[in-house]
Amino acid sequence: MKKMIDNLTDSLLSINRVAAKKISDEGADRYTPIKFIEDVVAPSLERIGQGWQEGTYALSQVYMAGRICEDIVDAFLPPGDPNRKDQPRIAICVLKDHHQLGKIIVYSVLRASGFEVMDYGVMDVDDVVERVQKNKIEMLLISVLMLPSALRIKAVKEKLDALNLNVKLVVGGAPFRFDDQLWKSVGAVAVCGAASEAVSTLEKVMGGNI
């Protein structure tokens, strides 16, 4: 699997969609969609994101890698299950990042499991607070790739509290895997370490078990 991650990372950095598709086709033959995305696609993108933070890669490479990976994920993940759950009003967004891979994975997994989720796309702090208030959101999922974006979640929490909005924040992304206490610092009620944990994490939050 490490070799597959290395090869996918190389193809993403060189913006080689043909090579990336070939690797994804190979992954489809060997793994389930979620396993390939979590164990190959996500680590490849995270490696590139870390390289950008260290000054090794350009922001354009992070952006294009994310776009290519979004296409891979769209091809892999199943359509939403029409049977919806009894649930709070849920929304998901990417906070000031140049990628939507993590959000796409979690959004698709949740929809395939019967959840209704509003997709806010990429937003800044003020816009997401305004949208949450307007839509009466009760649970907000925020996905980030970069540490600066993760730290902005605290501002979202503070603004929601100032408006007396009882919104539960669930966060996920690379920064929260590098620092396992960061989610508490930004005011989240839970952290999701992988897309496969999204359903169980939300069900625990809904059940008051977190």
C-alpha atoms as a PDB file:
ATOM      1  CA  MET A   1       0.000   0.000   0.000  1.00  0.00           C
ATOM      2  CA  LYS A   2       2.907   2.376   0.701  1.00  0.00           C
ATOM      3  CA  LYS A   3       4.033   2.015  -2.904  1.00  0.00           C
ATOM      4  CA  MET A   4       0.529   2.899  -4.087  1.00  0.00           C
ATOM      5  CA  ILE A   5       0.550   6.022  -1.869  1.00  0.00           C
ATOM      6  CA  ASP A   6       3.966   6.985  -3.242  1.00  0.00           C
ATOM      7  CA  ASN A   7       2.828   6.519  -6.836  1.00  0.00           C
ATOM      8  CA  LEU A   8      -0.418   8.433  -6.333  1.00  0.00           C
ATOM      9  CA  THR A   9       1.433  11.269  -4.602  1.00  0.00           C
ATOM     10  CA  ASP A  10       3.857  11.512  -7.516  1.00  0.00           C
ATOM     11  CA  SER A  11       1.033  11.563 -10.053  1.00  0.00           C
ATOM     12  CA  LEU A  12      -0.809  14.266  -8.110  1.00  0.00           C
ATOM     13  CA  LEU A  13       2.269  16.457  -7.799  1.00  0.00           C
ATOM     14  CA  SER A  14       2.869  16.187 -11.540  1.00  0.00           C
ATOM     15  CA  ILE A  15      -0.862  16.788 -12.197  1.00  0.00           C
ATOM     16  CA  ASN A  16      -1.007  13.555 -14.155  1.00  0.00           C
ATOM     17  CA  ARG A  17      -4.690  12.643 -14.216  1.00  0.00           C
ATOM     18  CA  VAL A  18      -4.109   9.598 -16.425  1.00  0.00           C
ATOM     19  CA  ALA A  19      -1.611   8.085 -13.983  1.00  0.00           C
ATOM     20  CA  ALA A  20      -3.857   8.921 -11.025  1.00  0.00           C
ATOM     21  CA  LYS A  21      -6.815   7.197 -12.694  1.00  0.00           C
ATOM     22  CA  LYS A  22      -4.706   4.121 -13.416  1.00  0.00           C
ATOM     23  CA  ILE A  23      -3.773   3.904  -9.741  1.00  0.00           C
ATOM     24  CA  SER A  24      -7.396   4.382  -8.691  1.00  0.00           C
ATOM     25  CA  ASP A  25      -8.473   1.624 -11.087  1.00  0.00           C
ATOM     26  CA  GLU A  26      -5.912  -0.660  -9.490  1.00  0.00           C
ATOM     27  CA  GLY A  27      -7.213   0.335  -6.066  1.00  0.00           C
ATOM     28  CA  ALA A  28     -10.767  -0.484  -7.108  1.00  0.00           C
ATOM     29  CA  ASP A  29      -9.666  -4.022  -7.945  1.00  0.00           C
ATOM     30  CA  ARG A  30      -7.886  -4.553  -4.635  1.00  0.00           C
ATOM     31  CA  TYR A  31      -9.806  -2.627  -1.972  1.00  0.00           C
ATOM     32  CA  THR A  32     -13.250  -1.426  -1.016  1.00  0.00           C
ATOM     33  CA  PRO A  33     -13.931   2.203  -2.022  1.00  0.00           C
ATOM     34  CA  ILE A  34     -13.715   3.563   1.527  1.00  0.00           C
ATOM     35  CA  LYS A  35     -10.521   1.642   2.325  1.00  0.00           C
ATOM     36  CA  PHE A  36      -8.793   2.894  -0.821  1.00  0.00           C
ATOM     37  CA  ILE A  37      -9.877   6.484  -0.199  1.00  0.00           C
ATOM     38  CA  GLU A  38      -8.901   6.476   3.479  1.00  0.00           C
ATOM     39  CA  ASP A  39      -5.695   4.442   3.173  1.00  0.00           C
ATOM     40  CA  VAL A  40      -4.353   5.716  -0.162  1.00  0.00           C
ATOM     41  CA  VAL A  41      -6.046   8.883  -1.418  1.00  0.00           C
ATOM     42  CA  ALA A  42      -6.286  10.768   1.883  1.00  0.00           C
ATOM     43  CA  PRO A  43      -2.682  10.005   2.994  1.00  0.00           C
ATOM     44  CA  SER A  44      -1.393  11.122  -0.411  1.00  0.00           C
ATOM     45  CA  LEU A  45      -3.197  14.450  -0.184  1.00  0.00           C
ATOM     46  CA  GLU A  46      -2.166  14.921   3.436  1.00  0.00           C
ATOM     47  CA  ARG A  47       1.468  14.316   2.470  1.00  0.00           C
ATOM     48  CA  ILE A  48       1.191  17.038  -0.157  1.00  0.00           C
ATOM     49  CA  GLY A  49      -0.504  19.385   2.308  1.00  0.00           C
ATOM     50  CA  GLN A  50       2.266  18.819   4.827  1.00  0.00           C
ATOM     51  CA  GLY A  51       4.826  19.487   2.106  1.00  0.00           C
ATOM     52  CA  TRP A  52       3.147  22.826   1.388  1.00  0.00           C
ATOM     53  CA  GLN A  53       3.337  23.786   5.062  1.00  0.00           C
ATOM     54  CA  GLU A  54       7.048  22.948   5.023  1.00  0.00           C
ATOM     55  CA  GLY A  55       7.600  24.971   1.834  1.00  0.00           C
ATOM     56  CA  THR A  56       8.370  21.949  -0.338  1.00  0.00           C
ATOM     57  CA  TYR A  57       5.353  22.162  -2.640  1.00  0.00           C
ATOM     58  CA  ALA A  58       3.438  25.045  -4.197  1.00  0.00           C
ATOM     59  CA  LEU A  59      -0.104  25.953  -3.208  1.00  0.00           C
ATOM     60  CA  SER A  60      -1.136  25.288  -6.800  1.00  0.00           C
ATOM     61  CA  GLN A  61       0.009  21.685  -6.377  1.00  0.00           C
ATOM     62  CA  VAL A  62      -2.131  21.321  -3.249  1.00  0.00           C
ATOM     63  CA  TYR A  63      -5.122  22.758  -5.099  1.00  0.00           C
ATOM     64  CA  MET A  64      -4.759  20.607  -8.229  1.00  0.00           C
ATOM     65  CA  ALA A  65      -4.074  17.488  -6.167  1.00  0.00           C
ATOM     66  CA  GLY A  66      -7.322  18.148  -4.330  1.00  0.00           C
ATOM     67  CA  ARG A  67      -9.274  18.582  -7.554  1.00  0.00           C
ATOM     68  CA  ILE A  68      -7.949  15.322  -9.005  1.00  0.00           C
ATOM     69  CA  CYS A  69      -8.720  13.486  -5.771  1.00  0.00           C
ATOM     70  CA  GLU A  70     -12.251  14.901  -5.762  1.00  0.00           C
ATOM     71  CA  ASP A  71     -12.796  13.295  -9.177  1.00  0.00           C
ATOM     72  CA  ILE A  72     -11.487   9.985  -7.843  1.00  0.00           C
ATOM     73  CA  VAL A  73     -13.794  10.138  -4.841  1.00  0.00           C
ATOM     74  CA  ASP A  74     -16.821  11.045  -6.981  1.00  0.00           C
ATOM     75  CA  ALA A  75     -16.170   7.933  -9.064  1.00  0.00           C
ATOM     76  CA  PHE A  76     -15.718   5.671  -6.035  1.00  0.00           C
ATOM     77  CA  LEU A  77     -18.407   6.550  -3.526  1.00  0.00           C
ATOM     78  CA  PRO A  78     -21.970   5.224  -3.688  1.00  0.00           C
ATOM     79  CA  PRO A  79     -25.079   7.374  -4.124  1.00  0.00           C
ATOM     80  CA  GLY A  80     -27.065   8.463  -1.085  1.00  0.00           C
ATOM     81  CA  ASP A  81     -29.442   6.061   0.592  1.00  0.00           C
ATOM     82  CA  PRO A  82     -33.069   7.288   0.146  1.00  0.00           C
ATOM     83  CA  ASN A  83     -33.959   6.099   3.663  1.00  0.00           C
ATOM     84  CA  ARG A  84     -33.240   9.088   5.906  1.00  0.00           C
ATOM     85  CA  LYS A  85     -32.541   9.060   9.600  1.00  0.00           C
ATOM     86  CA  ASP A  86     -34.360  10.848  12.411  1.00  0.00           C
ATOM     87  CA  GLN A  87     -31.681  13.459  13.009  1.00  0.00           C
ATOM     88  CA  PRO A  88     -30.899  17.079  13.883  1.00  0.00           C
ATOM     89  CA  ARG A  89     -30.316  19.654  11.146  1.00  0.00           C
ATOM     90  CA  ILE A  90     -26.768  18.988   9.924  1.00  0.00           C
ATOM     91  CA  ALA A  91     -24.435  20.950   7.652  1.00  0.00           C
ATOM     92  CA  ILE A  92     -20.880  20.376   6.490  1.00  0.00           C
ATOM     93  CA  CYS A  93     -18.261  22.766   5.173  1.00  0.00           C
ATOM     94  CA  VAL A  94     -14.611  23.307   4.446  1.00  0.00           C
ATOM     95  CA  LEU A  95     -13.257  26.294   6.365  1.00  0.00           C
ATOM     96  CA  LYS A  96     -10.916  28.498   4.303  1.00  0.00           C
ATOM     97  CA  ASP A  97      -9.021  25.608   2.686  1.00  0.00           C
ATOM     98  CA  HIS A  98      -8.205  25.059  -0.984  1.00  0.00           C
ATOM     99  CA  HIS A  99      -9.583  21.528  -1.129  1.00  0.00           C
ATOM    100  CA  GLN A 100     -12.827  19.689  -0.478  1.00  0.00           C
ATOM    101  CA  LEU A 101     -11.663  16.069  -0.420  1.00  0.00           C
ATOM    102  CA  GLY A 102     -12.339  15.402   3.258  1.00  0.00           C
ATOM    103  CA  LYS A 103     -15.755  17.030   3.051  1.00  0.00           C
ATOM    104  CA  ILE A 104     -16.708  15.080  -0.064  1.00  0.00           C
ATOM    105  CA  ILE A 105     -15.752  11.780   1.561  1.00  0.00           C
ATOM    106  CA  VAL A 106     -17.654  12.419   4.793  1.00  0.00           C
ATOM    107  CA  TYR A 107     -20.655  13.945   3.011  1.00  0.00           C
ATOM    108  CA  SER A 108     -20.984  10.949   0.696  1.00  0.00           C
ATOM    109  CA  VAL A 109     -20.535   8.404   3.486  1.00  0.00           C
ATOM    110  CA  LEU A 110     -23.184  10.114   5.612  1.00  0.00           C
ATOM    111  CA  ARG A 111     -25.659  10.363   2.726  1.00  0.00           C
ATOM    112  CA  ALA A 112     -25.059   6.716   1.853  1.00  0.00           C
ATOM    113  CA  SER A 113     -25.890   5.900   5.478  1.00  0.00           C
ATOM    114  CA  GLY A 114     -29.192   7.750   5.407  1.00  0.00           C
ATOM    115  CA  PHE A 115     -28.292  11.191   6.775  1.00  0.00           C
ATOM    116  CA  GLU A 116     -29.515  14.437   5.235  1.00  0.00           C
ATOM    117  CA  VAL A 117     -26.653  16.935   5.199  1.00  0.00           C
ATOM    118  CA  MET A 118     -26.527  20.466   3.813  1.00  0.00           C
ATOM    119  CA  ASP A 119     -23.310  21.001   1.856  1.00  0.00           C
ATOM    120  CA  TYR A 120     -21.990  24.547   2.363  1.00  0.00           C
ATOM    121  CA  GLY A 121     -18.832  24.053   0.310  1.00  0.00           C
ATOM    122  CA  VAL A 122     -15.893  26.327   1.154  1.00  0.00           C
ATOM    123  CA  MET A 123     -16.730  29.183   3.529  1.00  0.00           C
ATOM    124  CA  ASP A 124     -15.086  31.759   5.775  1.00  0.00           C
ATOM    125  CA  VAL A 125     -15.929  32.263   9.439  1.00  0.00           C
ATOM    126  CA  ASP A 126     -18.593  34.983   9.121  1.00  0.00           C
ATOM    127  CA  ASP A 127     -20.357  33.356   6.178  1.00  0.00           C
ATOM    128  CA  VAL A 128     -20.693  29.975   7.849  1.00  0.00           C
ATOM    129  CA  VAL A 129     -22.025  31.527  11.075  1.00  0.00           C
ATOM    130  CA  GLU A 130     -24.623  33.494   9.097  1.00  0.00           C
ATOM    131  CA  ARG A 131     -25.658  30.411   7.132  1.00  0.00           C
ATOM    132  CA  VAL A 132     -25.909  28.242  10.246  1.00  0.00           C
ATOM    133  CA  GLN A 133     -28.155  30.811  11.903  1.00  0.00           C
ATOM    134  CA  LYS A 134     -30.354  31.154   8.826  1.00  0.00           C
ATOM    135  CA  ASN A 135     -30.759  27.394   8.340  1.00  0.00           C
ATOM    136  CA  LYS A 136     -31.171  26.682  12.077  1.00  0.00           C
ATOM    137  CA  ILE A 137     -28.361  24.140  11.969  1.00  0.00           C
ATOM    138  CA  GLU A 138     -27.906  22.054  15.104  1.00  0.00           C
ATOM    139  CA  MET A 139     -24.732  20.177  14.155  1.00  0.00           C
ATOM    140  CA  LEU A 140     -21.933  21.589  12.000  1.00  0.00           C
ATOM    141  CA  LEU A 141     -19.213  19.391  10.541  1.00  0.00           C
ATOM    142  CA  ILE A 142     -16.016  21.210   9.581  1.00  0.00           C
ATOM    143  CA  SER A 143     -13.268  19.644   7.498  1.00  0.00           C
ATOM    144  CA  VAL A 144      -9.780  21.157   7.212  1.00  0.00           C
ATOM    145  CA  LEU A 145      -6.440  20.205   5.726  1.00  0.00           C
ATOM    146  CA  MET A 146      -4.209  23.014   7.034  1.00  0.00           C
ATOM    147  CA  LEU A 147      -3.520  24.027  10.652  1.00  0.00           C
ATOM    148  CA  PRO A 148      -4.411  27.737  10.149  1.00  0.00           C
ATOM    149  CA  SER A 149      -7.872  26.662   8.987  1.00  0.00           C
ATOM    150  CA  ALA A 150      -8.264  24.395  12.005  1.00  0.00           C
ATOM    151  CA  LEU A 151      -7.449  27.264  14.360  1.00  0.00           C
ATOM    152  CA  ARG A 152     -10.173  29.427  12.767  1.00  0.00           C
ATOM    153  CA  ILE A 153     -12.780  26.978  14.031  1.00  0.00           C
ATOM    154  CA  LYS A 154     -12.420  28.572  17.466  1.00  0.00           C
ATOM    155  CA  ALA A 155     -13.675  31.851  15.992  1.00  0.00           C
ATOM    156  CA  VAL A 156     -16.702  30.035  14.555  1.00  0.00           C
ATOM    157  CA  LYS A 157     -17.494  28.610  17.985  1.00  0.00           C
ATOM    158  CA  GLU A 158     -17.126  31.988  19.684  1.00  0.00           C
ATOM    159  CA  LYS A 159     -19.423  33.731  17.193  1.00  0.00           C
ATOM    160  CA  LEU A 160     -22.056  30.993  17.469  1.00  0.00           C
ATOM    161  CA  ASP A 161     -21.976  31.245  21.254  1.00  0.00           C
ATOM    162  CA  ALA A 162     -22.284  35.041  21.070  1.00  0.00           C
ATOM    163  CA  LEU A 163     -25.519  34.555  19.117  1.00  0.00           C
ATOM    164  CA  ASN A 164     -26.741  32.013  21.701  1.00  0.00           C
ATOM    165  CA  LEU A 165     -26.830  29.316  19.026  1.00  0.00           C
ATOM    166  CA  ASN A 166     -26.512  25.847  20.499  1.00  0.00           C
ATOM    167  CA  VAL A 167     -24.598  24.269  17.632  1.00  0.00           C
ATOM    168  CA  LYS A 168     -22.469  21.187  18.142  1.00  0.00           C
ATOM    169  CA  LEU A 169     -19.220  21.241  16.167  1.00  0.00           C
ATOM    170  CA  VAL A 170     -17.685  18.020  14.857  1.00  0.00           C
ATOM    171  CA  VAL A 171     -14.282  18.441  13.228  1.00  0.00           C
ATOM    172  CA  GLY A 172     -11.904  16.369  11.152  1.00  0.00           C
ATOM    173  CA  GLY A 173      -8.789  16.547   9.018  1.00  0.00           C
ATOM    174  CA  ALA A 174      -5.032  16.203   9.167  1.00  0.00           C
ATOM    175  CA  PRO A 175      -4.328  18.817  11.908  1.00  0.00           C
ATOM    176  CA  PHE A 176      -6.496  16.888  14.352  1.00  0.00           C
ATOM    177  CA  ARG A 177      -4.548  13.708  13.716  1.00  0.00           C
ATOM    178  CA  PHE A 178      -1.243  15.479  14.307  1.00  0.00           C
ATOM    179  CA  ASP A 179      -2.519  16.947  17.607  1.00  0.00           C
ATOM    180  CA  ASP A 180      -5.088  14.710  19.305  1.00  0.00           C
ATOM    181  CA  GLN A 181      -6.147  17.469  21.727  1.00  0.00           C
ATOM    182  CA  LEU A 182      -6.632  20.228  19.152  1.00  0.00           C
ATOM    183  CA  TRP A 183     -10.338  19.528  18.711  1.00  0.00           C
ATOM    184  CA  LYS A 184     -10.967  20.465  22.335  1.00  0.00           C
ATOM    185  CA  SER A 185      -9.013  23.708  21.957  1.00  0.00           C
ATOM    186  CA  VAL A 186     -11.215  24.916  19.085  1.00  0.00           C
ATOM    187  CA  GLY A 187     -14.475  24.148  20.884  1.00  0.00           C
ATOM    188  CA  ALA A 188     -15.635  21.000  19.101  1.00  0.00           C
ATOM    189  CA  VAL A 189     -17.687  18.321  20.850  1.00  0.00           C
ATOM    190  CA  ALA A 190     -16.076  15.523  18.854  1.00  0.00           C
ATOM    191  CA  VAL A 191     -13.393  14.734  16.295  1.00  0.00           C
ATOM    192  CA  CYS A 192     -13.673  12.282  13.429  1.00  0.00           C
ATOM    193  CA  GLY A 193     -10.377  10.601  12.624  1.00  0.00           C
ATOM    194  CA  ALA A 194     -11.524   8.934   9.412  1.00  0.00           C
ATOM    195  CA  ALA A 195     -14.503   8.951   7.070  1.00  0.00           C
ATOM    196  CA  SER A 196     -15.496   5.479   8.230  1.00  0.00           C
ATOM    197  CA  GLU A 197     -15.946   6.912  11.744  1.00  0.00           C
ATOM    198  CA  ALA A 198     -18.307   9.678  10.625  1.00  0.00           C
ATOM    199  CA  VAL A 199     -21.548   7.738  11.077  1.00  0.00           C
ATOM    200  CA  SER A 200     -20.667   6.300  14.485  1.00  0.00           C
ATOM    201  CA  THR A 201     -19.345   9.680  15.686  1.00  0.00           C
ATOM    202  CA  LEU A 202     -22.526  11.508  14.708  1.00  0.00           C
ATOM    203  CA  GLU A 203     -24.696   8.824  16.263  1.00  0.00           C
ATOM    204  CA  LYS A 204     -22.767   9.135  19.541  1.00  0.00           C
ATOM    205  CA  VAL A 205     -23.167  12.918  19.511  1.00  0.00           C
ATOM    206  CA  MET A 206     -26.881  12.588  18.729  1.00  0.00           C
ATOM    207  CA  GLY A 207     -27.285  10.062  21.507  1.00  0.00           C
ATOM    208  CA  GLY A 208     -25.513  12.257  24.025  1.00  0.00           C
ATOM    209  CA  ASN A 209     -22.709   9.734  24.437  1.00  0.00           C
ATOM    210  CA  ILE A 210     -19.982  12.314  23.672  1.00  0.00           C
END
